[in-house]
Protein backbone atom coordinates (compact mmCIF):
# COMPACT_ATOMS: atom_id res chain seq x y z
CA UNK A 1 0.00 0.00 0.00
CA UNK A 2 1.34 3.39 -0.99
CA UNK A 3 1.65 6.05 1.66
CA UNK A 4 3.23 9.45 1.28
CA UNK A 5 4.01 11.68 4.23
CA UNK A 6 5.09 15.26 3.69
CA UNK A 7 7.05 17.33 6.17
CA UNK A 8 9.16 20.46 6.30
CA UNK A 9 6.48 23.08 6.06
CA UNK A 10 6.40 26.12 8.28
CA UNK A 11 6.91 29.86 8.34
CA UNK A 12 9.53 31.45 6.12
CA UNK A 13 10.26 35.09 5.35
CA UNK A 14 9.98 36.44 1.82
CA UNK A 15 13.21 35.68 0.02
CA UNK A 16 13.95 32.79 2.34
CA UNK A 17 14.32 29.08 1.72
CA UNK A 18 12.57 25.93 2.83
CA UNK A 19 12.97 22.27 2.00
CA UNK A 20 9.97 19.97 1.85
CA UNK A 21 10.23 16.21 2.21
CA UNK A 22 7.91 13.46 1.08
CA UNK A 23 8.64 10.06 2.56
CA UNK A 24 7.37 7.01 0.71
CA UNK A 25 6.40 3.77 2.38
CA UNK A 26 6.41 0.39 0.68
CA UNK A 27 7.91 1.71 -2.55
CA UNK A 28 10.65 3.82 -4.10
CA UNK A 29 10.30 6.56 -6.65
CA UNK A 30 12.22 4.43 -9.17
CA UNK A 31 8.91 3.30 -10.63
CA UNK A 32 6.95 6.50 -10.22
CA UNK A 33 6.82 10.06 -11.32
CA UNK A 34 7.16 12.15 -8.18
CA UNK A 35 5.48 15.54 -8.20
CA UNK A 36 4.93 18.51 -5.93
CA UNK A 37 1.80 20.64 -6.05
CA UNK A 38 0.55 23.55 -4.00
CA UNK A 39 -2.91 24.78 -3.15
CA UNK A 40 -3.37 28.30 -1.89
CA UNK A 41 -6.54 29.29 -0.02
CA UNK A 42 -9.55 29.50 -2.32
CA UNK A 43 -7.47 28.44 -5.32
CA UNK A 44 -7.07 25.27 -7.32
CA UNK A 45 -4.19 22.93 -6.77
CA UNK A 46 -1.35 23.71 -9.13
CA UNK A 47 1.75 21.85 -10.27
CA UNK A 48 5.19 22.99 -9.14
CA UNK A 49 7.72 20.32 -10.03
CA UNK A 50 8.14 16.70 -11.05
CA UNK A 51 10.86 14.08 -11.52
CA UNK A 52 10.69 10.84 -13.47
CA UNK A 53 11.90 7.63 -11.80
CA UNK A 54 13.60 9.48 -9.00
CA UNK A 55 16.60 10.65 -10.96
CA UNK A 56 15.48 11.20 -14.51
CA UNK A 57 13.88 14.07 -16.34
CA UNK A 58 12.71 16.95 -14.20
CA UNK A 59 9.85 19.32 -14.90
CA UNK A 60 9.08 22.70 -13.41
CA UNK A 61 6.32 25.23 -13.62
CA UNK A 62 7.51 28.48 -15.15
CA UNK A 63 6.79 30.31 -11.90
CA UNK A 64 9.30 28.24 -9.91
CA UNK A 65 11.95 27.27 -12.46
CA UNK A 66 15.36 28.40 -11.28
CA UNK A 67 14.23 28.76 -7.67
CA UNK A 68 12.82 25.34 -6.77
CA UNK A 69 14.69 22.06 -7.14
CA UNK A 70 13.12 18.62 -6.98
CA UNK A 71 15.20 15.58 -6.09
CA UNK A 72 15.11 12.19 -4.42
CA UNK A 73 17.38 10.77 -1.73
CA UNK A 74 17.56 7.82 0.60
CA UNK A 75 17.60 5.17 -2.11
CA UNK A 76 14.88 7.20 -3.82
CA UNK A 77 12.39 6.73 -1.00
CA UNK A 78 12.23 10.42 -0.15
CA UNK A 79 11.18 13.16 -2.51
CA UNK A 80 12.53 16.62 -1.76
CA UNK A 81 11.71 20.06 -3.02
CA UNK A 82 14.18 22.80 -2.17
CA UNK A 83 12.46 26.17 -2.41
CA UNK A 84 14.57 29.32 -2.60
CA UNK A 85 13.71 33.01 -2.93
CA UNK A 86 10.22 32.30 -1.73
CA UNK A 87 7.41 34.74 -2.33
CA UNK A 88 4.37 35.67 -0.27
CA UNK A 89 2.08 34.38 -3.03
CA UNK A 90 3.58 30.93 -2.49
CA UNK A 91 1.83 30.57 0.83
CA UNK A 92 -0.09 27.34 0.42
CA UNK A 93 -0.49 23.75 1.43
CA UNK A 94 2.07 21.71 -0.49
CA UNK A 95 1.31 18.17 -1.56
CA UNK A 96 3.42 15.44 -3.05
CA UNK A 97 2.03 12.93 -5.51
CA UNK A 98 3.34 9.68 -6.87
CA UNK A 99 2.12 8.47 -10.25
CA UNK A 100 2.86 4.84 -11.04
CA UNK A 101 4.53 4.66 -14.44
CA UNK A 102 3.08 1.24 -15.24
CA UNK A 103 -0.55 1.89 -14.23
CA UNK A 104 -0.96 5.68 -13.95
CA UNK A 105 -2.40 5.16 -10.48
CA UNK A 106 -2.01 8.28 -8.40
CA UNK A 107 -1.27 8.64 -4.70
CA UNK A 108 -1.32 11.83 -2.67
CA UNK A 109 0.18 12.81 0.62
CA UNK A 110 -1.76 14.71 3.26
CA UNK A 111 -0.01 18.03 2.65
CA UNK A 112 2.25 20.33 4.59
CA UNK A 113 1.49 24.00 5.14
CA UNK A 114 3.94 26.70 4.09
CA UNK A 115 3.47 30.33 5.07
CA UNK A 116 5.64 32.99 3.49
CA UNK A 117 5.37 36.12 5.57
CA UNK A 118 7.44 38.76 7.26
């Protein structure tokens, strides 16, 4: 059974950095596309970044490219997103998602809240 648990959220000042983690149970990201999304209050969930098979092709939304970096560690059982130069508008709940490459089944974590504020 696939479980994803995010952590690392919190309060950060504008221009600051934060690293989010998404720990996978019972699987590694070798066979999944790992993605990070965010959902701000009263807005739809939107894509931030993705990585194929833990160490392959990476994808970024235009709004975060060059500031956010997605990666996997720990034998590809943990998905990270390093967020730099953060902006107030990036205050949101951040979710990780794993999409199975073979079946397209999707699994979501419970989310971790990030507040960008001075």
